[in-house]
Amino acid sequence: MEYVYPAVFHSNDDESYTITYPDLPGCISEGKSLGNALHMAASALNLWIAYLIEKREEIPAASRIEEVKVDFGEFVNLIRVNVRDEHAVRRTVSIPKWMDDEAMRSGLSLSQILQDALSKRLHTV
């Protein structure tokens, strides 16, 4: 599921950035450069939302970017993440016996092969 939140980037004296999310108290990250800060902001948001989902906690609504107040040396940027449920699920699949025999002899993981094939087919790789 896609989430978009405004993040406040505070410019530090050493040219690094501290990132906070006004709607997610405690969700904080840092980046050594602007590019790194943008990456770290997305990573922190993804982990924070995934944690809230796992704990079945309410996900706060995102503020409108125009409503976020900043101080001198700060700016606001929208950060977008696509949070996926990574929990494994069991599925029953059927394959010909000879394929199963060959896979077993070769030491192949059918689960991994299926995941790889689905990722490729769904263009998520």
N, C-alpha and C. Protein backbone atom coordinates (compact mmCIF):
# COMPACT_ATOMS: atom_id res chain seq x y z
N MET A 1 0.84 -1.16 0.00
CA MET A 1 0.00 0.00 0.00
C MET A 1 0.90 1.24 0.00
N GLU A 2 0.47 2.25 -0.71
CA GLU A 2 1.27 3.47 -0.83
C GLU A 2 0.93 4.47 0.28
N TYR A 3 1.98 5.09 0.82
CA TYR A 3 1.84 6.12 1.84
C TYR A 3 2.69 7.31 1.44
N VAL A 4 2.16 8.51 1.65
CA VAL A 4 2.89 9.74 1.36
C VAL A 4 2.77 10.65 2.58
N TYR A 5 3.93 11.05 3.12
CA TYR A 5 3.97 11.90 4.30
C TYR A 5 4.94 13.05 4.08
N PRO A 6 4.62 14.21 4.66
CA PRO A 6 5.60 15.31 4.61
C PRO A 6 6.69 15.07 5.65
N ALA A 7 7.92 15.28 5.22
CA ALA A 7 9.07 15.15 6.11
C ALA A 7 9.75 16.50 6.21
N VAL A 8 10.22 16.82 7.41
CA VAL A 8 10.97 18.06 7.62
C VAL A 8 12.45 17.72 7.62
N PHE A 9 13.19 18.41 6.75
CA PHE A 9 14.63 18.23 6.63
C PHE A 9 15.30 19.42 7.28
N HIS A 10 16.10 19.15 8.31
CA HIS A 10 16.84 20.20 9.01
C HIS A 10 18.29 20.11 8.57
N SER A 11 18.80 21.21 8.03
CA SER A 11 20.19 21.27 7.58
C SER A 11 21.11 21.48 8.77
N ASN A 12 22.09 20.58 8.92
CA ASN A 12 23.04 20.67 10.03
C ASN A 12 24.32 21.39 9.57
N ASP A 13 25.13 21.83 10.54
CA ASP A 13 26.36 22.56 10.24
C ASP A 13 27.35 21.75 9.41
N ASP A 14 27.32 20.43 9.53
CA ASP A 14 28.28 19.58 8.80
C ASP A 14 27.75 19.15 7.43
N GLU A 15 26.73 19.82 6.94
CA GLU A 15 26.09 19.57 5.64
C GLU A 15 25.28 18.28 5.62
N SER A 16 25.04 17.70 6.79
CA SER A 16 24.16 16.55 6.88
C SER A 16 22.74 17.07 7.14
N TYR A 17 21.78 16.14 7.17
CA TYR A 17 20.39 16.50 7.40
C TYR A 17 19.79 15.59 8.46
N THR A 18 18.95 16.18 9.30
CA THR A 18 18.14 15.42 10.23
C THR A 18 16.72 15.47 9.70
N ILE A 19 16.05 14.31 9.66
CA ILE A 19 14.71 14.22 9.09
C ILE A 19 13.73 13.81 10.17
N THR A 20 12.62 14.53 10.26
CA THR A 20 11.54 14.17 11.17
C THR A 20 10.22 14.18 10.41
N TYR A 21 9.25 13.48 10.97
CA TYR A 21 7.91 13.42 10.40
C TYR A 21 6.93 14.00 11.43
N PRO A 22 6.35 15.17 11.15
CA PRO A 22 5.44 15.78 12.11
C PRO A 22 4.26 14.88 12.50
N ASP A 23 3.82 14.03 11.59
CA ASP A 23 2.67 13.17 11.86
C ASP A 23 3.04 11.85 12.52
N LEU A 24 4.34 11.59 12.62
CA LEU A 24 4.82 10.32 13.18
C LEU A 24 5.88 10.60 14.25
N PRO A 25 5.44 11.07 15.43
CA PRO A 25 6.40 11.40 16.48
C PRO A 25 7.33 10.23 16.79
N GLY A 26 8.62 10.53 16.81
CA GLY A 26 9.62 9.51 17.07
C GLY A 26 10.24 8.93 15.82
N CYS A 27 9.64 9.18 14.67
CA CYS A 27 10.21 8.70 13.41
C CYS A 27 11.24 9.72 12.95
N ILE A 28 12.50 9.40 13.16
CA ILE A 28 13.61 10.32 12.90
C ILE A 28 14.69 9.58 12.14
N SER A 29 15.36 10.27 11.24
CA SER A 29 16.49 9.69 10.54
C SER A 29 17.50 10.78 10.24
N GLU A 30 18.62 10.40 9.68
CA GLU A 30 19.67 11.35 9.30
C GLU A 30 20.29 10.91 7.99
N GLY A 31 20.82 11.90 7.26
CA GLY A 31 21.52 11.60 6.02
C GLY A 31 22.75 12.47 5.91
N LYS A 32 23.82 11.91 5.36
CA LYS A 32 25.08 12.63 5.27
C LYS A 32 25.09 13.65 4.14
N SER A 33 24.18 13.49 3.17
CA SER A 33 24.03 14.43 2.07
C SER A 33 22.54 14.52 1.76
N LEU A 34 22.15 15.41 0.89
CA LEU A 34 20.73 15.53 0.57
C LEU A 34 20.22 14.24 -0.07
N GLY A 35 20.98 13.69 -1.00
CA GLY A 35 20.57 12.44 -1.64
C GLY A 35 20.44 11.31 -0.64
N ASN A 36 21.42 11.20 0.24
CA ASN A 36 21.38 10.18 1.27
C ASN A 36 20.22 10.42 2.23
N ALA A 37 19.95 11.68 2.55
CA ALA A 37 18.85 12.02 3.45
C ALA A 37 17.51 11.62 2.85
N LEU A 38 17.33 11.83 1.55
CA LEU A 38 16.08 11.42 0.89
C LEU A 38 15.91 9.91 0.97
N HIS A 39 16.98 9.19 0.74
CA HIS A 39 16.95 7.72 0.84
C HIS A 39 16.63 7.29 2.28
N MET A 40 17.30 7.89 3.24
CA MET A 40 17.09 7.53 4.64
C MET A 40 15.69 7.89 5.11
N ALA A 41 15.14 8.99 4.59
CA ALA A 41 13.78 9.40 4.94
C ALA A 41 12.77 8.34 4.48
N ALA A 42 12.95 7.84 3.27
CA ALA A 42 12.05 6.81 2.75
C ALA A 42 12.20 5.52 3.54
N SER A 43 13.42 5.16 3.86
CA SER A 43 13.67 3.94 4.62
C SER A 43 13.01 4.02 6.00
N ALA A 44 13.19 5.15 6.68
CA ALA A 44 12.60 5.32 8.02
C ALA A 44 11.08 5.26 7.95
N LEU A 45 10.49 5.92 6.95
CA LEU A 45 9.04 5.92 6.81
C LEU A 45 8.53 4.51 6.55
N ASN A 46 9.20 3.79 5.67
CA ASN A 46 8.79 2.42 5.35
C ASN A 46 8.81 1.55 6.60
N LEU A 47 9.89 1.61 7.36
CA LEU A 47 10.00 0.79 8.57
C LEU A 47 8.97 1.19 9.61
N TRP A 48 8.71 2.49 9.73
CA TRP A 48 7.76 2.98 10.74
C TRP A 48 6.34 2.50 10.43
N ILE A 49 5.93 2.65 9.16
CA ILE A 49 4.59 2.23 8.76
C ILE A 49 4.46 0.71 8.87
N ALA A 50 5.47 -0.02 8.44
CA ALA A 50 5.44 -1.49 8.54
C ALA A 50 5.29 -1.92 10.00
N TYR A 51 5.97 -1.22 10.91
CA TYR A 51 5.86 -1.53 12.33
C TYR A 51 4.43 -1.29 12.83
N LEU A 52 3.85 -0.15 12.45
CA LEU A 52 2.48 0.15 12.87
C LEU A 52 1.51 -0.90 12.36
N ILE A 53 1.70 -1.34 11.13
CA ILE A 53 0.83 -2.36 10.55
C ILE A 53 0.99 -3.68 11.31
N GLU A 54 2.24 -4.06 11.56
CA GLU A 54 2.50 -5.32 12.26
C GLU A 54 1.88 -5.32 13.66
N LYS A 55 1.95 -4.18 14.34
CA LYS A 55 1.41 -4.09 15.70
C LYS A 55 -0.08 -3.75 15.72
N ARG A 56 -0.67 -3.65 14.52
CA ARG A 56 -2.10 -3.32 14.38
C ARG A 56 -2.46 -2.00 15.06
N GLU A 57 -1.53 -1.06 14.96
CA GLU A 57 -1.77 0.27 15.50
C GLU A 57 -2.33 1.17 14.40
N GLU A 58 -3.02 2.22 14.81
CA GLU A 58 -3.60 3.15 13.86
C GLU A 58 -2.51 3.92 13.13
N ILE A 59 -2.66 4.04 11.83
CA ILE A 59 -1.71 4.81 11.03
C ILE A 59 -2.26 6.22 10.92
N PRO A 60 -1.53 7.20 11.47
CA PRO A 60 -2.03 8.58 11.46
C PRO A 60 -2.19 9.12 10.03
N ALA A 61 -3.16 9.99 9.87
CA ALA A 61 -3.34 10.65 8.57
C ALA A 61 -2.17 11.61 8.34
N ALA A 62 -1.79 11.75 7.10
CA ALA A 62 -0.69 12.65 6.75
C ALA A 62 -1.21 14.08 6.65
N SER A 63 -0.43 15.00 7.15
CA SER A 63 -0.76 16.43 7.04
C SER A 63 -0.57 16.88 5.60
N ARG A 64 -1.25 17.93 5.24
CA ARG A 64 -0.99 18.55 3.94
C ARG A 64 0.33 19.30 4.04
N ILE A 65 1.11 19.25 2.99
CA ILE A 65 2.44 19.86 3.00
C ILE A 65 2.36 21.35 3.34
N GLU A 66 1.29 22.01 2.92
CA GLU A 66 1.13 23.44 3.17
C GLU A 66 0.93 23.76 4.66
N GLU A 67 0.51 22.77 5.43
CA GLU A 67 0.22 22.96 6.85
C GLU A 67 1.44 22.77 7.74
N VAL A 68 2.52 22.24 7.19
CA VAL A 68 3.70 21.93 8.00
C VAL A 68 4.55 23.19 8.17
N LYS A 69 4.79 23.54 9.41
CA LYS A 69 5.60 24.72 9.75
C LYS A 69 7.06 24.31 9.88
N VAL A 70 7.94 25.16 9.36
CA VAL A 70 9.37 24.89 9.45
C VAL A 70 10.09 26.11 10.01
N ASP A 71 11.24 25.85 10.59
CA ASP A 71 12.10 26.90 11.11
C ASP A 71 13.18 27.23 10.09
N PHE A 72 13.98 28.24 10.40
CA PHE A 72 15.09 28.62 9.54
C PHE A 72 16.03 27.42 9.39
N GLY A 73 16.49 27.15 8.17
CA GLY A 73 17.39 26.02 7.93
C GLY A 73 16.66 24.72 7.70
N GLU A 74 15.35 24.78 7.54
CA GLU A 74 14.55 23.57 7.32
C GLU A 74 13.71 23.72 6.06
N PHE A 75 13.36 22.58 5.47
CA PHE A 75 12.41 22.57 4.37
C PHE A 75 11.58 21.29 4.47
N VAL A 76 10.44 21.30 3.79
CA VAL A 76 9.53 20.15 3.81
C VAL A 76 9.55 19.49 2.44
N ASN A 77 9.53 18.18 2.44
CA ASN A 77 9.46 17.42 1.20
C ASN A 77 8.53 16.24 1.43
N LEU A 78 7.75 15.90 0.41
CA LEU A 78 6.90 14.72 0.51
C LEU A 78 7.73 13.47 0.25
N ILE A 79 7.50 12.45 1.07
CA ILE A 79 8.19 11.18 0.93
C ILE A 79 7.13 10.11 0.68
N ARG A 80 7.36 9.32 -0.37
CA ARG A 80 6.40 8.27 -0.76
C ARG A 80 7.06 6.91 -0.59
N VAL A 81 6.32 5.98 0.02
CA VAL A 81 6.79 4.61 0.15
C VAL A 81 5.65 3.66 -0.19
N ASN A 82 6.02 2.48 -0.62
CA ASN A 82 5.06 1.43 -0.90
C ASN A 82 5.36 0.31 0.09
N VAL A 83 4.55 0.18 1.13
CA VAL A 83 4.79 -0.79 2.19
C VAL A 83 4.09 -2.09 1.83
N ARG A 84 4.86 -3.16 1.84
CA ARG A 84 4.32 -4.47 1.49
C ARG A 84 4.37 -5.40 2.68
N ASP A 85 3.37 -6.24 2.78
CA ASP A 85 3.35 -7.26 3.82
C ASP A 85 4.28 -8.39 3.37
N GLU A 86 5.38 -8.58 4.08
CA GLU A 86 6.38 -9.57 3.71
C GLU A 86 6.20 -10.92 4.41
N HIS A 87 5.11 -11.07 5.15
CA HIS A 87 4.90 -12.35 5.85
C HIS A 87 4.69 -13.47 4.82
N ALA A 88 5.26 -14.61 5.10
CA ALA A 88 5.10 -15.76 4.21
C ALA A 88 3.71 -16.36 4.36
N VAL A 89 3.16 -16.82 3.26
CA VAL A 89 1.88 -17.51 3.27
C VAL A 89 2.08 -18.87 2.59
N ARG A 90 1.31 -19.84 3.02
CA ARG A 90 1.39 -21.17 2.42
C ARG A 90 0.39 -21.25 1.28
N ARG A 91 0.85 -21.81 0.16
CA ARG A 91 0.01 -22.03 -1.01
C ARG A 91 0.22 -23.46 -1.47
N THR A 92 -0.82 -24.06 -1.98
CA THR A 92 -0.70 -25.39 -2.54
C THR A 92 -0.57 -25.24 -4.05
N VAL A 93 0.49 -25.81 -4.59
CA VAL A 93 0.70 -25.78 -6.04
C VAL A 93 0.89 -27.20 -6.53
N SER A 94 0.60 -27.40 -7.79
CA SER A 94 0.77 -28.73 -8.39
C SER A 94 1.80 -28.64 -9.50
N ILE A 95 2.72 -29.60 -9.49
CA ILE A 95 3.70 -29.72 -10.58
C ILE A 95 3.80 -31.20 -10.91
N PRO A 96 4.27 -31.51 -12.11
CA PRO A 96 4.44 -32.93 -12.45
C PRO A 96 5.46 -33.60 -11.52
N LYS A 97 5.25 -34.87 -11.23
CA LYS A 97 6.12 -35.59 -10.31
C LYS A 97 7.56 -35.56 -10.77
N TRP A 98 7.80 -35.72 -12.07
CA TRP A 98 9.18 -35.74 -12.55
C TRP A 98 9.89 -34.43 -12.25
N MET A 99 9.16 -33.29 -12.30
CA MET A 99 9.76 -31.99 -11.97
C MET A 99 10.12 -31.94 -10.49
N ASP A 100 9.21 -32.44 -9.67
CA ASP A 100 9.47 -32.44 -8.23
C ASP A 100 10.68 -33.32 -7.92
N ASP A 101 10.77 -34.50 -8.56
CA ASP A 101 11.91 -35.40 -8.35
C ASP A 101 13.22 -34.72 -8.75
N GLU A 102 13.23 -34.09 -9.92
CA GLU A 102 14.44 -33.40 -10.40
C GLU A 102 14.84 -32.25 -9.47
N ALA A 103 13.84 -31.49 -9.03
CA ALA A 103 14.12 -30.36 -8.13
C ALA A 103 14.72 -30.86 -6.82
N MET A 104 14.17 -31.96 -6.30
CA MET A 104 14.68 -32.53 -5.05
C MET A 104 16.12 -33.00 -5.24
N ARG A 105 16.39 -33.69 -6.34
CA ARG A 105 17.74 -34.19 -6.62
C ARG A 105 18.74 -33.04 -6.77
N SER A 106 18.27 -31.94 -7.33
CA SER A 106 19.14 -30.78 -7.57
C SER A 106 19.28 -29.87 -6.35
N GLY A 107 18.48 -30.14 -5.31
CA GLY A 107 18.55 -29.31 -4.11
C GLY A 107 17.93 -27.94 -4.29
N LEU A 108 17.00 -27.83 -5.23
CA LEU A 108 16.36 -26.54 -5.49
C LEU A 108 15.23 -26.27 -4.50
N SER A 109 15.06 -25.02 -4.17
CA SER A 109 13.95 -24.60 -3.31
C SER A 109 12.80 -24.15 -4.19
N LEU A 110 11.72 -24.92 -4.19
CA LEU A 110 10.56 -24.56 -5.01
C LEU A 110 9.96 -23.23 -4.57
N SER A 111 9.99 -22.96 -3.29
CA SER A 111 9.46 -21.68 -2.80
C SER A 111 10.27 -20.52 -3.36
N GLN A 112 11.59 -20.64 -3.35
CA GLN A 112 12.44 -19.56 -3.87
C GLN A 112 12.26 -19.40 -5.38
N ILE A 113 12.16 -20.51 -6.09
CA ILE A 113 11.96 -20.45 -7.54
C ILE A 113 10.64 -19.76 -7.86
N LEU A 114 9.59 -20.10 -7.13
CA LEU A 114 8.29 -19.47 -7.35
C LEU A 114 8.34 -17.98 -7.04
N GLN A 115 8.99 -17.62 -5.93
CA GLN A 115 9.12 -16.19 -5.59
C GLN A 115 9.88 -15.44 -6.67
N ASP A 116 10.98 -16.00 -7.14
CA ASP A 116 11.77 -15.36 -8.19
C ASP A 116 10.95 -15.18 -9.46
N ALA A 117 10.24 -16.25 -9.86
CA ALA A 117 9.44 -16.19 -11.08
C ALA A 117 8.31 -15.17 -10.96
N LEU A 118 7.64 -15.15 -9.81
CA LEU A 118 6.55 -14.18 -9.61
C LEU A 118 7.08 -12.75 -9.58
N SER A 119 8.22 -12.55 -8.93
CA SER A 119 8.82 -11.20 -8.91
C SER A 119 9.13 -10.72 -10.31
N LYS A 120 9.69 -11.61 -11.12
CA LYS A 120 10.02 -11.25 -12.50
C LYS A 120 8.75 -10.97 -13.30
N ARG A 121 7.75 -11.82 -13.15
CA ARG A 121 6.50 -11.67 -13.89
C ARG A 121 5.75 -10.40 -13.47
N LEU A 122 5.83 -10.08 -12.17
CA LEU A 122 5.14 -8.90 -11.65
C LEU A 122 5.99 -7.63 -11.76
N HIS A 123 7.18 -7.77 -12.30
CA HIS A 123 8.11 -6.64 -12.51
C HIS A 123 8.47 -5.96 -11.20
N THR A 124 8.72 -6.74 -10.18
CA THR A 124 9.11 -6.18 -8.88
C THR A 124 10.58 -6.36 -8.59
N VAL A 125 11.32 -6.93 -9.50
CA VAL A 125 12.75 -7.16 -9.28
C VAL A 125 13.51 -5.91 -9.67
